[in-house]
Amino acid sequence: MFELLYIILIFIVGFFIANKVSKQIRSNIPYLVFVIHMSFSFLYYLYVKTHAADANMYYYKGMLEKENFLSAFGTSTDFIVFLSALLQKIGFDKLSLFFLFGLFGYIGFVYLIKMLAYIPKFFFGFPLLYVVLLLPGFHFWTSALGKDSLFFMALMMFFYSIQKLPSNFIMLIFSFLILALIRPHMGFILLLSVLTALFFRNPGKFKFSHVLLGITTIVVLIVFLPFVLEFLNVDQMQLNEMNKRFEEFTNYGAQMKDDVSSYVDMSDANIITKLFAYLFRPLFFDAHSFMQLAASFENFILLSIILSWLKSIRFNIIKWYKAFPISRKIMAIYIAAGWLILAMGMYNLGLTSRQKYMLIPVIFIIIFDVYNFKLLHQKKT
């Protein structure tokens, strides 16, 4: 009874959001995205019935913890288990949990839609906006019970609120707390991206604000250092110990090499190869299953879009970075830092297929902004 009621409420809320945003942007695409996204949420629910997935772990651990859900509170996996236990305590079941987290993912898409400039740009005859918003893997990985849907929602809320300050300050704080609870290391990267962009916003003009930002950066490093060390499982601040732990993290999964088809040995690869692999593999030569084959098609589209964009700006990323407003500079630094750190720890193509959506939507925002700027400039000239 409660599950049916929750599902009905989730869909009412979703259609209400779609209706409101459709009127704001004068387009029906929010309705289309909602229907597709919630369909993927249901498909993911069916998928985990016969396949091993983190969503099953979150659900069953939550079931065990629901009578004492407060004890489950923590960061990373513990935070999702805590939410699962809390929601099950008030009557959510597995299907309604999937739809609720699917709604979280849809809210992420809503804020992404608001930040994407509408431009008459086409990709092999299809409107680029629709290609980006309807990528199957994008919906699949952000539609289920787990970290990815909630992280995607919070990330889009964070970047949307940055460009709408000070009116959206509460949203900014709320979204950052969610990000930091789900993936503390990414919250750390995000905060440093903000501080770095602000510190270098006026190169050559040293002001008192630079001193304050420098002090703030040091405080942030001191406050977050225990969490980062805990994430890396480092007990002592010794360089050799940190190197040892980092190597263990980078090579994690190698012991299961023979059992996991998506494992890739990147231990001897250079940084360029790792960066490419993180965003664009598996490609067709990597595909050993239907899921990997589907991901290959999507990665080919992503690679084509990014290469086309780089060609349009003549690969002069620095020039465009200098022209960006501060909100986009924060995004650019976040992409660069996040891509580097995540790629260094890559070992599993299945894992990267999910985690790269911590970066891909932000890349899309940058791409659309540059296309829009060039289009407006051409009209003026």
Protein backbone atom coordinates (compact mmCIF):
# COMPACT_ATOMS: atom_id res chain seq x y z
CA MET A 1 0.00 0.00 0.00
CA PHE A 2 2.72 2.48 0.99
CA GLU A 3 4.89 1.50 -1.97
CA LEU A 4 2.09 2.18 -4.47
CA LEU A 5 1.37 5.52 -2.80
CA TYR A 6 5.05 6.51 -2.94
CA ILE A 7 5.33 5.54 -6.61
CA ILE A 8 2.27 7.64 -7.48
CA LEU A 9 3.67 10.61 -5.53
CA ILE A 10 7.06 10.24 -7.24
CA PHE A 11 5.47 10.38 -10.69
CA ILE A 12 3.23 13.31 -9.72
CA VAL A 13 6.28 15.24 -8.49
CA GLY A 14 8.22 14.31 -11.64
CA PHE A 15 5.48 15.49 -14.00
CA PHE A 16 5.03 18.67 -11.95
CA ILE A 17 8.74 19.44 -12.33
CA ALA A 18 8.64 18.60 -16.06
CA ASN A 19 5.61 20.85 -16.55
CA LYS A 20 7.20 23.78 -14.71
CA VAL A 21 10.51 23.55 -16.57
CA SER A 22 8.80 23.04 -19.94
CA LYS A 23 6.98 26.35 -19.47
CA GLN A 24 10.20 28.10 -18.44
CA ILE A 25 12.21 26.98 -21.46
CA ARG A 26 9.25 26.68 -23.87
CA SER A 27 10.08 23.14 -24.88
CA ASN A 28 8.60 19.70 -24.23
CA ILE A 29 11.99 18.03 -23.87
CA PRO A 30 11.70 17.81 -20.03
CA TYR A 31 8.65 15.54 -20.48
CA LEU A 32 10.54 13.33 -22.93
CA VAL A 33 13.57 13.10 -20.65
CA PHE A 34 11.34 12.25 -17.65
CA VAL A 35 9.55 9.40 -19.43
CA ILE A 36 12.80 7.94 -20.77
CA HIS A 37 14.66 8.32 -17.49
CA MET A 38 11.98 6.66 -15.38
CA SER A 39 11.72 3.87 -17.97
CA PHE A 40 15.43 3.23 -17.49
CA SER A 41 14.88 3.22 -13.74
CA PHE A 42 12.37 0.39 -14.17
CA LEU A 43 14.69 -1.44 -16.59
CA TYR A 44 17.52 -1.18 -14.06
CA TYR A 45 15.16 -2.60 -11.41
CA LEU A 46 14.51 -5.59 -13.68
CA TYR A 47 18.22 -5.87 -14.51
CA VAL A 48 19.33 -6.25 -10.87
CA LYS A 49 16.86 -9.10 -10.38
CA THR A 50 19.15 -11.36 -12.39
CA HIS A 51 22.52 -9.58 -12.17
CA ALA A 52 24.88 -8.68 -9.36
CA ALA A 53 24.81 -4.92 -8.73
CA ASP A 54 25.61 -2.43 -5.99
CA ALA A 55 21.92 -1.52 -5.86
CA ASN A 56 21.14 -4.95 -4.40
CA MET A 57 23.76 -4.43 -1.71
CA TYR A 58 22.34 -1.00 -0.80
CA TYR A 59 18.84 -2.40 -0.58
CA TYR A 60 19.60 -5.51 1.51
CA LYS A 61 22.03 -3.72 3.84
CA GLY A 62 19.39 -1.05 4.30
CA MET A 63 16.87 -3.73 5.15
CA LEU A 64 19.15 -5.04 7.90
CA GLU A 65 19.80 -1.53 9.28
CA LYS A 66 16.32 -0.02 9.06
CA GLU A 67 15.41 -0.65 12.71
CA ASN A 68 18.50 1.30 13.78
CA PHE A 69 19.15 3.38 10.68
CA LEU A 70 21.01 6.18 12.50
CA SER A 71 23.86 3.79 13.27
CA ALA A 72 24.40 3.31 9.54
CA PHE A 73 25.09 6.99 8.90
CA GLY A 74 28.47 7.73 7.35
CA THR A 75 30.14 8.75 4.12
CA SER A 76 30.37 7.03 0.73
CA THR A 77 28.63 3.60 0.74
CA ASP A 78 27.46 4.05 4.34
CA PHE A 79 25.51 7.18 3.38
CA ILE A 80 23.52 5.36 0.68
CA VAL A 81 22.88 2.45 3.06
CA PHE A 82 21.68 4.98 5.65
CA LEU A 83 19.25 6.53 3.12
CA SER A 84 18.06 3.08 2.05
CA ALA A 85 17.44 2.07 5.68
CA LEU A 86 15.67 5.33 6.51
CA LEU A 87 13.40 5.14 3.46
CA GLN A 88 12.60 1.48 4.05
CA LYS A 89 11.75 2.38 7.64
CA ILE A 90 9.00 4.73 6.40
CA GLY A 91 7.57 2.23 3.92
CA PHE A 92 9.63 2.33 0.73
CA ASP A 93 10.24 -1.00 -0.97
CA LYS A 94 12.74 -1.89 -3.68
CA LEU A 95 10.74 -0.66 -6.69
CA SER A 96 9.73 2.62 -5.07
CA LEU A 97 13.35 3.17 -3.98
CA PHE A 98 14.48 2.74 -7.58
CA PHE A 99 11.89 5.23 -8.80
CA LEU A 100 12.83 7.71 -6.06
CA PHE A 101 16.51 7.58 -6.99
CA GLY A 102 15.41 7.76 -10.62
CA LEU A 103 13.64 11.00 -9.69
CA PHE A 104 16.88 12.27 -8.14
CA GLY A 105 18.64 11.54 -11.43
CA TYR A 106 15.88 13.30 -13.36
CA ILE A 107 16.27 16.41 -11.20
CA GLY A 108 19.94 16.34 -12.24
CA PHE A 109 18.82 16.33 -15.87
CA VAL A 110 16.47 19.25 -15.20
CA TYR A 111 19.32 21.43 -13.92
CA LEU A 112 21.53 20.25 -16.79
CA ILE A 113 18.83 21.29 -19.28
CA LYS A 114 18.68 24.71 -17.64
CA MET A 115 22.44 25.14 -18.03
CA LEU A 116 22.71 23.89 -21.62
CA ALA A 117 22.47 26.67 -24.18
CA TYR A 118 19.93 25.98 -26.93
CA ILE A 119 21.80 26.12 -30.24
CA PRO A 120 20.97 24.92 -33.77
CA LYS A 121 23.90 22.50 -33.74
CA PHE A 122 23.51 19.08 -35.32
CA PHE A 123 25.31 15.78 -34.94
CA PHE A 124 24.97 13.52 -38.02
CA GLY A 125 21.63 15.18 -38.75
CA PHE A 126 20.30 14.98 -35.18
CA PRO A 127 19.97 18.02 -32.86
CA LEU A 128 23.00 17.91 -30.57
CA LEU A 129 20.87 18.75 -27.53
CA TYR A 130 18.75 15.64 -28.01
CA VAL A 131 21.80 13.45 -28.65
CA VAL A 132 23.34 14.58 -25.36
CA LEU A 133 20.18 14.31 -23.26
CA LEU A 134 19.09 10.93 -24.61
CA LEU A 135 22.33 8.96 -24.32
CA PRO A 136 21.17 5.55 -23.00
CA GLY A 137 24.13 4.98 -20.65
CA PHE A 138 23.69 8.45 -19.18
CA HIS A 139 20.15 7.53 -18.11
CA PHE A 140 20.96 3.95 -17.15
CA TRP A 141 23.71 4.81 -14.67
CA THR A 142 21.82 7.73 -13.08
CA SER A 143 18.47 6.03 -12.67
CA ALA A 144 18.98 3.46 -9.92
CA LEU A 145 19.38 3.10 -6.18
CA GLY A 146 23.00 4.09 -5.56
CA LYS A 147 25.56 6.87 -5.48
CA ASP A 148 25.44 7.93 -9.12
CA SER A 149 21.89 9.29 -9.36
CA LEU A 150 22.17 11.30 -6.14
CA PHE A 151 25.68 12.54 -7.00
CA PHE A 152 24.54 13.65 -10.47
CA MET A 153 21.62 15.58 -8.97
CA ALA A 154 23.81 17.30 -6.36
CA LEU A 155 26.55 18.11 -8.88
CA MET A 156 24.12 19.81 -11.28
CA MET A 157 22.48 21.69 -8.40
CA PHE A 158 25.90 22.86 -7.23
CA PHE A 159 26.98 24.26 -10.59
CA TYR A 160 23.56 25.77 -11.24
CA SER A 161 23.58 27.53 -7.87
CA ILE A 162 27.11 28.89 -8.44
CA GLN A 163 25.90 30.94 -11.39
CA LYS A 164 22.83 32.13 -9.46
CA LEU A 165 24.50 33.44 -6.30
CA PRO A 166 23.68 34.82 -3.78
CA SER A 167 20.01 33.83 -4.21
CA ASN A 168 20.85 30.12 -4.37
CA PHE A 169 23.38 30.05 -1.54
CA ILE A 170 21.37 27.52 0.51
CA MET A 171 21.17 25.20 -2.52
CA LEU A 172 24.91 25.56 -2.96
CA ILE A 173 25.65 24.47 0.61
CA PHE A 174 23.08 21.65 0.53
CA SER A 175 24.35 20.23 -2.76
CA PHE A 176 27.99 20.39 -1.63
CA LEU A 177 27.20 18.52 1.58
CA ILE A 178 25.48 15.78 -0.41
CA LEU A 179 28.45 15.56 -2.80
CA ALA A 180 30.94 15.38 0.07
CA LEU A 181 28.93 12.70 1.86
CA ILE A 182 28.60 10.51 -1.23
CA ARG A 183 32.15 10.87 -2.56
CA PRO A 184 34.38 12.86 -0.15
CA HIS A 185 37.33 12.88 -2.56
CA MET A 186 35.18 14.50 -5.28
CA GLY A 187 33.86 17.03 -2.80
CA PHE A 188 37.46 17.85 -1.98
CA ILE A 189 38.29 18.30 -5.68
CA LEU A 190 35.23 20.47 -6.20
CA LEU A 191 36.04 22.75 -3.28
CA LEU A 192 39.64 23.15 -4.39
CA SER A 193 38.39 23.94 -7.92
CA VAL A 194 36.30 26.79 -6.53
CA LEU A 195 39.18 28.17 -4.46
CA THR A 196 41.68 27.85 -7.32
CA ALA A 197 39.41 29.60 -9.82
CA LEU A 198 38.76 32.43 -7.38
CA PHE A 199 42.43 32.81 -6.46
CA PHE A 200 43.54 33.15 -10.10
CA ARG A 201 40.54 35.11 -11.37
CA ASN A 202 42.61 38.32 -11.65
CA PRO A 203 46.14 37.27 -12.65
CA GLY A 204 48.72 39.94 -11.93
CA LYS A 205 46.47 41.78 -9.50
CA PHE A 206 47.27 40.67 -5.98
CA LYS A 207 44.59 41.78 -3.53
CA PHE A 208 43.65 41.15 0.07
CA SER A 209 41.05 38.66 -1.15
CA HIS A 210 43.92 36.49 -2.43
CA VAL A 211 45.29 36.32 1.10
CA LEU A 212 41.89 35.26 2.43
CA LEU A 213 41.53 32.63 -0.30
CA GLY A 214 45.02 31.34 0.42
CA ILE A 215 44.23 31.00 4.11
CA THR A 216 40.90 29.36 3.27
CA THR A 217 42.66 26.86 1.01
CA ILE A 218 45.06 25.92 3.80
CA VAL A 219 42.16 25.50 6.24
CA VAL A 220 40.30 23.33 3.73
CA LEU A 221 43.38 21.15 3.25
CA ILE A 222 43.77 20.73 7.01
CA VAL A 223 40.06 19.96 7.56
CA PHE A 224 39.74 17.54 4.64
CA LEU A 225 43.12 15.85 5.02
CA PRO A 226 41.89 13.27 7.59
CA PHE A 227 39.00 12.35 5.28
CA VAL A 228 41.29 12.02 2.26
CA LEU A 229 43.76 9.92 4.25
CA GLU A 230 40.92 7.76 5.53
CA PHE A 231 39.66 7.32 1.95
CA LEU A 232 43.13 6.18 0.89
CA ASN A 233 43.47 4.12 4.10
CA VAL A 234 46.66 5.92 5.09
CA ASP A 235 47.48 5.77 8.79
CA GLN A 236 50.65 7.86 8.79
CA MET A 237 51.65 10.97 6.85
CA GLN A 238 54.77 9.41 5.38
CA LEU A 239 55.56 9.81 1.71
CA ASN A 240 56.57 6.18 1.16
CA GLU A 241 53.39 4.99 2.90
CA MET A 242 51.20 7.26 0.75
CA ASN A 243 52.95 6.07 -2.41
CA LYS A 244 52.40 2.48 -1.34
CA ARG A 245 48.69 3.08 -0.73
CA PHE A 246 48.29 4.95 -4.00
CA GLU A 247 49.85 2.07 -5.90
CA GLU A 248 47.50 -0.35 -4.15
CA PHE A 249 44.53 1.85 -5.07
CA THR A 250 45.67 2.15 -8.70
CA ASN A 251 46.16 -1.59 -9.08
CA TYR A 252 43.05 -2.54 -7.13
CA GLY A 253 41.15 -5.28 -8.85
CA ALA A 254 44.17 -6.89 -10.48
CA GLN A 255 43.79 -9.95 -8.25
CA MET A 256 40.38 -10.58 -9.83
CA LYS A 257 41.77 -10.09 -13.32
CA ASP A 258 40.82 -13.56 -14.56
CA ASP A 259 37.24 -13.30 -13.30
CA VAL A 260 36.27 -9.79 -14.34
CA SER A 261 35.91 -9.26 -18.10
CA SER A 262 35.94 -5.50 -17.76
CA TYR A 263 39.32 -5.42 -15.98
CA VAL A 264 42.01 -3.57 -17.95
CA ASP A 265 45.69 -3.57 -17.05
CA MET A 266 46.72 0.10 -17.09
CA SER A 267 49.58 -0.17 -14.61
CA ASP A 268 52.24 0.49 -17.28
CA ALA A 269 50.20 2.89 -19.44
CA ASN A 270 51.19 6.54 -19.75
CA ILE A 271 48.92 9.29 -18.46
CA ILE A 272 47.53 10.17 -21.93
CA THR A 273 46.44 6.56 -22.47
CA LYS A 274 44.81 6.48 -19.03
CA LEU A 275 42.97 9.75 -19.62
CA PHE A 276 41.66 8.54 -22.98
CA ALA A 277 40.65 5.16 -21.57
CA TYR A 278 38.74 6.69 -18.68
CA LEU A 279 36.37 8.71 -20.86
CA PHE A 280 36.22 6.71 -24.09
CA ARG A 281 36.69 3.03 -23.34
CA PRO A 282 35.32 0.49 -23.85
CA LEU A 283 35.39 0.96 -27.62
CA PHE A 284 34.39 -1.76 -30.03
CA PHE A 285 37.68 -3.69 -29.71
CA ASP A 286 37.10 -3.86 -25.91
CA ALA A 287 33.54 -5.19 -26.05
CA HIS A 288 33.11 -8.67 -24.55
CA SER A 289 29.40 -8.42 -23.73
CA PHE A 290 26.21 -6.72 -24.88
CA MET A 291 26.57 -4.06 -22.17
CA GLN A 292 30.12 -3.25 -23.27
CA LEU A 293 29.05 -3.17 -26.93
CA ALA A 294 26.29 -0.68 -26.08
CA ALA A 295 28.79 1.40 -24.09
CA SER A 296 31.15 1.34 -27.11
CA PHE A 297 28.53 3.00 -29.34
CA GLU A 298 27.96 5.68 -26.71
CA ASN A 299 31.68 6.26 -26.20
CA PHE A 300 32.11 6.65 -29.95
CA ILE A 301 29.43 9.37 -29.90
CA LEU A 302 31.09 11.10 -26.95
CA LEU A 303 34.49 10.98 -28.66
CA SER A 304 33.02 12.36 -31.90
CA ILE A 305 31.28 15.24 -30.11
CA ILE A 306 34.39 16.23 -28.16
CA LEU A 307 36.71 15.96 -31.18
CA SER A 308 34.29 18.03 -33.26
CA TRP A 309 34.22 20.68 -30.52
CA LEU A 310 38.01 20.73 -30.17
CA LYS A 311 38.31 21.16 -33.93
CA SER A 312 35.84 24.06 -33.83
CA ILE A 313 38.00 25.91 -31.27
CA ARG A 314 41.22 24.87 -33.06
CA PHE A 315 42.28 22.94 -29.95
CA ASN A 316 42.97 26.27 -28.21
CA ILE A 317 41.48 25.40 -24.82
CA ILE A 318 43.56 27.99 -22.91
CA LYS A 319 42.16 30.85 -25.00
CA TRP A 320 38.60 29.84 -24.23
CA TYR A 321 39.36 29.23 -20.56
CA LYS A 322 40.54 32.83 -20.22
CA ALA A 323 37.26 34.05 -21.75
CA PHE A 324 35.09 31.95 -19.44
CA PRO A 325 33.08 33.52 -16.61
CA ILE A 326 34.13 32.39 -13.13
CA SER A 327 31.42 29.68 -12.92
CA ARG A 328 32.74 28.02 -16.09
CA LYS A 329 36.36 28.32 -14.94
CA ILE A 330 35.39 26.36 -11.82
CA MET A 331 33.85 23.71 -14.07
CA ALA A 332 36.97 23.54 -16.26
CA ILE A 333 39.27 23.08 -13.26
CA TYR A 334 36.92 20.46 -11.80
CA ILE A 335 37.00 18.52 -15.10
CA ALA A 336 40.79 18.66 -15.37
CA ALA A 337 41.50 17.71 -11.74
CA GLY A 338 38.76 15.08 -11.53
CA TRP A 339 39.72 13.49 -14.85
CA LEU A 340 43.38 13.24 -13.85
CA ILE A 341 42.75 11.72 -10.40
CA LEU A 342 40.01 9.33 -11.52
CA ALA A 343 41.98 8.15 -14.54
CA MET A 344 44.99 7.35 -12.36
CA GLY A 345 42.87 4.93 -10.36
CA MET A 346 41.12 3.30 -13.32
CA TYR A 347 41.17 -0.48 -13.57
CA ASN A 348 37.66 -1.53 -14.53
CA LEU A 349 35.75 -0.44 -17.64
CA GLY A 350 32.42 -1.18 -15.99
CA LEU A 351 33.27 1.10 -13.09
CA THR A 352 34.46 3.92 -15.35
CA SER A 353 31.28 3.63 -17.46
CA ARG A 354 29.41 4.79 -14.36
CA GLN A 355 31.88 7.14 -12.76
CA LYS A 356 32.70 9.18 -15.86
CA TYR A 357 29.25 10.76 -15.55
CA MET A 358 30.73 12.75 -12.70
CA LEU A 359 32.56 14.61 -15.51
CA ILE A 360 30.63 14.16 -18.79
CA PRO A 361 27.65 16.47 -18.02
CA VAL A 362 30.03 19.25 -16.97
CA ILE A 363 31.96 18.78 -20.22
CA PHE A 364 28.68 19.13 -22.14
CA ILE A 365 27.93 22.44 -20.40
CA ILE A 366 31.34 23.81 -21.45
CA ILE A 367 30.89 22.58 -25.05
CA PHE A 368 27.44 24.11 -25.41
CA ASP A 369 28.59 27.40 -23.88
CA VAL A 370 31.42 27.75 -26.40
CA TYR A 371 29.16 26.86 -29.33
CA ASN A 372 26.61 29.40 -28.12
CA PHE A 373 29.25 32.13 -27.67
CA LYS A 374 30.58 31.56 -31.19
CA LEU A 375 27.06 31.61 -32.64
CA LEU A 376 26.20 34.90 -30.92
CA HIS A 377 29.54 36.40 -32.02
CA GLN A 378 28.87 35.41 -35.64
CA LYS A 379 25.44 37.06 -35.54
CA LYS A 380 26.92 40.32 -34.21
CA THR A 381 29.60 40.39 -36.91
